[in-house]
Amino acid sequence: MRRPYPEAWLMVNSVFTTMTAGLAVAGLSAGCAGAVAEPRTAAERPTVVLVHGAFADSSSWNGVIEELEADGYPVVAVANPLRGLASDAAYVRSVVDGVSGPVVLAGHSYGGSVMSQAVDGLPNVKALVYIASFLLESGESTGQLAAKFPGAELGAALDTVSFPLSGGGSGDDLYIKQDEFHRVFAADVPEDVSALMAATQRPIAAAALEEPATKAAWKNIPSWNMVTTEDLAIPAESMRFMGDRADAHTVEIEASHAVTVSQPGAVADLIVQAADATRT
């Protein structure tokens, strides 16, 4: 049975795992008419690479990782820098380049913007899975698509904090106000867990949300799209629009924006569906 949310959120742990060999499914006896055995070993499974979005970190995937590993999938959760779309994408691409064999890539929220930019043209990436996420067209920014349809309440809940740039000058980091975090980001997560998420959130540079995409990997890679209908960060209508435009396999779920934490089983199920499709 899938658990509704992971206790593992409360632990700081390594999300980089090693691939382990699975047991082959035993062949059916020759006397079974028409029956053909299909080996399903861990070595045949693609590596799942997970990309978190703004106001989160790799531990937001902990429950999903637990489910995927239980199913025999090797998993890598990337520490998305959240500094700029092009630079974040270059970093994610370097991680994917280091993975041997086929890859299924899943991104949450801004993580979807990054992965679309990152893996365009990479032949080992077999599927893209967008979880409460953005499927940007070239020339569009994350902020532009977030505001395309009414219903987003995240903007009014943000605080801006200045930070120094390495080359001089300053930029703006965006945080969700801690007293608004549960309502606008994680309403279906237990309050004690969402309070911890609010305290440990990673900010995103405002410039990253304004930077336009130059690539759209979903045009050439099969895509899956999870629409979260109770989302106050990205309106469901915006997710539907982007998914329809990308001809993605779309599912809808009654969940907040923090669906990777509140319903990791459902998220893992969609990733496995995409992974299975790449092996058919």
Protein backbone atom coordinates (compact mmCIF):
# COMPACT_ATOMS: atom_id res chain seq x y z
CA MET A 1 0.00 0.00 0.00
CA ARG A 2 1.30 3.41 -0.90
CA ARG A 3 1.80 5.71 2.08
CA PRO A 4 0.08 9.12 1.99
CA TYR A 5 3.26 11.01 2.87
CA PRO A 6 6.84 10.06 3.74
CA GLU A 7 8.21 10.20 7.27
CA ALA A 8 11.53 10.22 5.44
CA TRP A 9 10.98 13.95 4.83
CA LEU A 10 12.11 14.43 8.43
CA MET A 11 15.51 12.84 7.75
CA VAL A 12 18.48 14.26 5.87
CA ASN A 13 19.71 11.41 3.77
CA SER A 14 21.60 10.66 0.60
CA VAL A 15 19.43 10.34 -2.47
CA PHE A 16 22.16 8.95 -4.69
CA THR A 17 21.68 5.20 -4.99
CA THR A 18 23.45 2.35 -6.72
CA MET A 19 21.87 0.06 -9.21
CA THR A 20 21.29 -3.49 -7.87
CA ALA A 21 20.62 -6.55 -9.91
CA GLY A 22 17.07 -7.94 -9.72
CA LEU A 23 15.87 -11.51 -10.13
CA ALA A 24 14.63 -12.53 -13.56
CA VAL A 25 11.03 -13.64 -13.81
CA ALA A 26 10.97 -17.39 -14.24
CA GLY A 27 10.03 -18.64 -17.68
CA LEU A 28 6.65 -20.24 -18.09
CA SER A 29 6.56 -23.93 -18.90
CA ALA A 30 6.50 -24.93 -22.52
CA GLY A 31 3.22 -26.68 -21.86
CA CYS A 32 1.41 -23.38 -21.30
CA ALA A 33 0.06 -22.59 -24.73
CA GLY A 34 1.00 -19.13 -26.02
CA ALA A 35 2.67 -18.05 -22.77
CA VAL A 36 5.98 -16.20 -23.16
CA ALA A 37 8.11 -15.12 -20.21
CA GLU A 38 9.53 -11.60 -20.13
CA PRO A 39 12.55 -11.06 -17.87
CA ARG A 40 12.16 -7.93 -15.70
CA THR A 41 15.52 -7.31 -14.07
CA ALA A 42 16.74 -4.17 -12.35
CA ALA A 43 19.49 -3.92 -14.95
CA GLU A 44 16.83 -3.42 -17.63
CA ARG A 45 15.10 -0.62 -15.78
CA PRO A 46 15.97 2.97 -16.74
CA THR A 47 17.55 5.22 -14.17
CA VAL A 48 15.06 7.76 -12.85
CA VAL A 49 16.52 11.25 -12.47
CA LEU A 50 14.46 13.62 -10.32
CA VAL A 51 14.64 17.44 -10.50
CA HIS A 52 13.07 19.47 -7.70
CA GLY A 53 11.64 22.94 -8.13
CA ALA A 54 11.67 26.22 -6.24
CA PHE A 55 11.17 26.43 -2.46
CA ALA A 56 12.19 22.76 -2.10
CA ASP A 57 15.24 20.52 -2.27
CA SER A 58 16.02 16.95 -3.26
CA SER A 59 14.51 15.59 -0.03
CA SER A 60 11.08 16.59 -1.35
CA TRP A 61 11.38 13.41 -3.47
CA ASN A 62 12.17 11.12 -0.51
CA GLY A 63 8.83 9.31 -0.49
CA VAL A 64 8.89 8.92 -4.28
CA ILE A 65 12.45 7.58 -4.14
CA GLU A 66 11.44 4.99 -1.56
CA GLU A 67 8.60 3.78 -3.80
CA LEU A 68 10.77 3.64 -6.94
CA GLU A 69 13.61 1.83 -5.23
CA ALA A 70 11.15 -0.72 -3.82
CA ASP A 71 10.13 -1.36 -7.45
CA GLY A 72 13.78 -1.90 -8.43
CA TYR A 73 14.54 1.43 -10.14
CA PRO A 74 17.90 3.13 -9.68
CA VAL A 75 17.30 6.78 -8.74
CA VAL A 76 19.30 10.01 -8.69
CA ALA A 77 17.80 13.20 -7.25
CA VAL A 78 19.57 16.30 -8.54
CA ALA A 79 20.33 19.31 -6.35
CA ASN A 80 18.83 21.94 -8.66
CA PRO A 81 20.80 25.20 -8.12
CA LEU A 82 17.75 27.52 -8.61
CA ARG A 83 19.98 30.34 -9.86
CA GLY A 84 19.08 30.73 -13.55
CA LEU A 85 17.29 28.65 -16.17
CA ALA A 86 20.26 28.21 -18.52
CA SER A 87 22.82 27.57 -15.78
CA ASP A 88 20.49 25.25 -13.85
CA ALA A 89 19.82 23.31 -17.06
CA ALA A 90 23.52 23.01 -17.82
CA TYR A 91 24.07 21.53 -14.37
CA VAL A 92 21.22 19.03 -14.71
CA ARG A 93 22.46 18.03 -18.16
CA SER A 94 25.89 17.28 -16.69
CA VAL A 95 24.28 14.94 -14.16
CA VAL A 96 22.24 13.14 -16.83
CA ASP A 97 25.37 12.88 -19.02
CA GLY A 98 26.99 10.95 -16.19
CA VAL A 99 24.26 8.29 -16.06
CA SER A 100 24.88 5.09 -18.00
CA GLY A 101 22.00 3.65 -19.97
CA PRO A 102 18.46 4.92 -20.49
CA VAL A 103 17.01 7.68 -18.31
CA VAL A 104 13.50 8.72 -17.33
CA LEU A 105 13.52 12.32 -16.11
CA ALA A 106 10.90 13.73 -13.74
CA GLY A 107 10.61 17.37 -12.74
CA HIS A 108 8.45 19.13 -10.18
CA SER A 109 7.33 22.74 -10.68
CA TYR A 110 10.29 24.85 -11.93
CA GLY A 111 12.17 21.57 -12.22
CA GLY A 112 10.08 20.89 -15.33
CA SER A 113 11.27 24.12 -16.92
CA VAL A 114 14.85 23.11 -16.21
CA MET A 115 14.63 19.56 -17.52
CA SER A 116 12.98 20.65 -20.79
CA GLN A 117 15.93 22.95 -21.37
CA ALA A 118 18.54 20.52 -20.08
CA VAL A 119 18.06 17.32 -22.04
CA ASP A 120 17.08 18.44 -25.51
CA GLY A 121 18.98 16.21 -27.94
CA LEU A 122 20.17 13.66 -25.36
CA PRO A 123 19.50 10.23 -26.90
CA ASN A 124 19.51 8.31 -23.61
CA VAL A 125 16.53 10.26 -22.19
CA LYS A 126 13.49 8.15 -23.03
CA ALA A 127 10.65 9.92 -21.19
CA LEU A 128 9.85 13.18 -19.40
CA VAL A 129 7.44 13.26 -16.46
CA TYR A 130 6.10 16.65 -15.39
CA ILE A 131 4.73 16.74 -11.84
CA ALA A 132 2.69 19.89 -11.07
CA SER A 133 5.11 21.46 -13.46
CA PHE A 134 5.94 23.67 -16.41
CA LEU A 135 6.27 22.56 -20.05
CA LEU A 136 7.74 25.70 -21.58
CA GLU A 137 7.88 26.56 -25.26
CA SER A 138 10.99 28.34 -26.52
CA GLY A 139 10.72 32.03 -25.70
CA GLU A 140 8.45 31.52 -22.66
CA SER A 141 9.46 31.99 -19.04
CA THR A 142 8.29 30.11 -15.97
CA GLY A 143 6.75 33.25 -14.50
CA GLN A 144 4.88 33.96 -17.73
CA LEU A 145 3.19 30.54 -17.75
CA ALA A 146 2.44 30.66 -14.02
CA ALA A 147 0.43 33.83 -14.62
CA LYS A 148 -1.23 32.79 -17.89
CA PHE A 149 -4.45 31.65 -16.17
CA PRO A 150 -6.15 32.94 -13.00
CA GLY A 151 -5.92 31.11 -9.70
CA ALA A 152 -2.26 31.36 -8.66
CA GLU A 153 -1.85 32.73 -5.13
CA LEU A 154 1.85 32.17 -4.69
CA GLY A 155 3.06 35.59 -5.82
CA ALA A 156 1.39 37.47 -2.98
CA ALA A 157 2.88 35.03 -0.46
CA LEU A 158 6.52 35.67 -1.42
CA ASP A 159 9.22 37.61 0.37
CA THR A 160 12.16 39.11 -1.56
CA VAL A 161 15.67 39.09 -0.09
CA SER A 162 18.68 40.66 -1.81
CA PHE A 163 21.85 38.60 -2.29
CA PRO A 164 25.29 39.49 -3.72
CA LEU A 165 26.21 38.29 -7.21
CA SER A 166 29.68 36.80 -7.72
CA GLY A 167 30.47 39.26 -10.51
CA GLY A 168 29.30 42.25 -8.52
CA GLY A 169 25.92 43.82 -7.95
CA SER A 170 23.01 41.99 -6.38
CA GLY A 171 20.09 39.77 -7.22
CA ASP A 172 16.78 38.95 -5.56
CA ASP A 173 15.96 35.66 -3.88
CA LEU A 174 12.32 34.65 -3.43
CA TYR A 175 11.03 32.79 -0.35
CA ILE A 176 7.50 31.76 0.61
CA LYS A 177 6.45 33.45 3.85
CA GLN A 178 6.51 30.75 6.49
CA ASP A 179 3.03 31.55 7.76
CA GLU A 180 1.67 31.14 4.20
CA PHE A 181 3.66 28.08 3.18
CA HIS A 182 1.11 25.47 4.27
CA ARG A 183 -1.84 27.23 2.62
CA VAL A 184 -0.37 28.09 -0.77
CA PHE A 185 2.18 25.32 -1.26
CA ALA A 186 1.42 22.26 0.85
CA ALA A 187 -2.18 22.34 2.06
CA ASP A 188 -2.59 18.54 2.00
CA VAL A 189 0.65 17.87 3.88
CA PRO A 190 0.44 17.48 7.70
CA GLU A 191 1.11 20.85 9.31
CA ASP A 192 4.14 19.70 11.29
CA VAL A 193 5.74 18.43 8.08
CA SER A 194 4.88 21.55 6.08
CA ALA A 195 6.30 23.71 8.91
CA LEU A 196 9.60 21.87 8.52
CA MET A 197 9.42 22.31 4.75
CA ALA A 198 8.84 26.04 5.21
CA ALA A 199 11.83 26.40 7.52
CA THR A 200 14.16 24.46 5.21
CA GLN A 201 12.90 25.81 1.88
CA ARG A 202 15.51 26.79 -0.72
CA PRO A 203 14.91 30.16 -2.37
CA ILE A 204 14.93 30.71 -6.10
CA ALA A 205 16.55 33.69 -7.80
CA ALA A 206 13.80 35.87 -9.28
CA ALA A 207 15.81 36.07 -12.49
CA ALA A 208 15.44 32.30 -12.97
CA LEU A 209 11.66 32.64 -13.19
CA GLU A 210 11.99 35.46 -15.70
CA GLU A 211 14.57 33.82 -17.99
CA PRO A 212 13.04 32.54 -21.26
CA ALA A 213 13.51 28.98 -22.41
CA THR A 214 15.49 28.36 -25.57
CA LYS A 215 14.75 24.63 -25.90
CA ALA A 216 11.73 22.36 -25.43
CA ALA A 217 12.76 18.72 -25.09
CA TRP A 218 9.11 17.58 -24.88
CA LYS A 219 8.84 18.17 -28.63
CA ASN A 220 11.02 15.12 -29.27
CA ILE A 221 10.70 13.01 -26.10
CA PRO A 222 7.44 11.32 -24.97
CA SER A 223 5.97 13.18 -22.01
CA TRP A 224 3.67 12.53 -19.06
CA ASN A 225 1.92 15.31 -17.14
CA MET A 226 0.40 15.28 -13.63
CA VAL A 227 -2.14 18.06 -13.04
CA THR A 228 -2.76 18.90 -9.38
CA THR A 229 -6.31 20.26 -9.16
CA GLU A 230 -5.97 21.93 -5.71
CA ASP A 231 -2.76 23.73 -6.66
CA LEU A 232 -2.47 27.39 -5.63
CA ALA A 233 1.05 27.81 -7.05
CA ILE A 234 0.34 26.82 -10.67
CA PRO A 235 -3.31 26.92 -11.76
CA ALA A 236 -4.58 23.55 -12.98
CA GLU A 237 -5.76 25.23 -16.17
CA SER A 238 -2.21 26.29 -16.92
CA MET A 239 -0.95 22.72 -16.44
CA ARG A 240 -3.71 21.40 -18.71
CA PHE A 241 -2.86 23.96 -21.38
CA MET A 242 0.83 23.07 -21.36
CA GLY A 243 0.14 19.33 -21.30
CA ASP A 244 -2.31 19.52 -24.20
CA ARG A 245 0.12 21.58 -26.23
CA ALA A 246 2.87 19.01 -25.65
CA ASP A 247 0.52 16.10 -26.44
CA ALA A 248 1.51 14.67 -23.06
CA HIS A 249 -0.15 11.70 -21.36
CA THR A 250 -2.04 13.67 -18.70
CA VAL A 251 -3.51 12.52 -15.39
CA GLU A 252 -5.28 14.68 -12.82
CA ILE A 253 -5.06 14.26 -9.07
CA GLU A 254 -6.70 16.09 -6.18
CA ALA A 255 -3.59 17.44 -4.50
CA SER A 256 -1.71 20.59 -3.57
CA HIS A 257 1.46 21.78 -5.26
CA ALA A 258 3.50 19.64 -2.83
CA VAL A 259 2.18 16.40 -4.33
CA THR A 260 5.60 14.72 -4.23
CA VAL A 261 5.34 14.88 -0.43
CA SER A 262 1.60 14.39 0.09
CA GLN A 263 1.06 11.60 -2.46
CA PRO A 264 4.43 10.06 -3.35
CA GLY A 265 2.80 6.77 -4.36
CA ALA A 266 0.73 8.41 -7.09
CA VAL A 267 3.78 10.29 -8.35
CA ALA A 268 5.87 7.11 -8.40
CA ASP A 269 3.08 5.27 -10.24
CA LEU A 270 3.12 7.83 -13.06
CA ILE A 271 6.91 7.67 -13.34
CA VAL A 272 6.74 3.86 -13.52
CA GLN A 273 4.04 4.14 -16.20
CA ALA A 274 6.39 6.30 -18.26
CA ALA A 275 9.31 3.95 -17.61
CA ASP A 276 7.27 0.92 -18.65
CA ALA A 277 6.30 2.67 -21.88
CA THR A 278 9.98 3.17 -22.73
CA ARG A 279 10.58 -0.58 -22.41
CA THR A 280 7.65 -1.65 -24.57
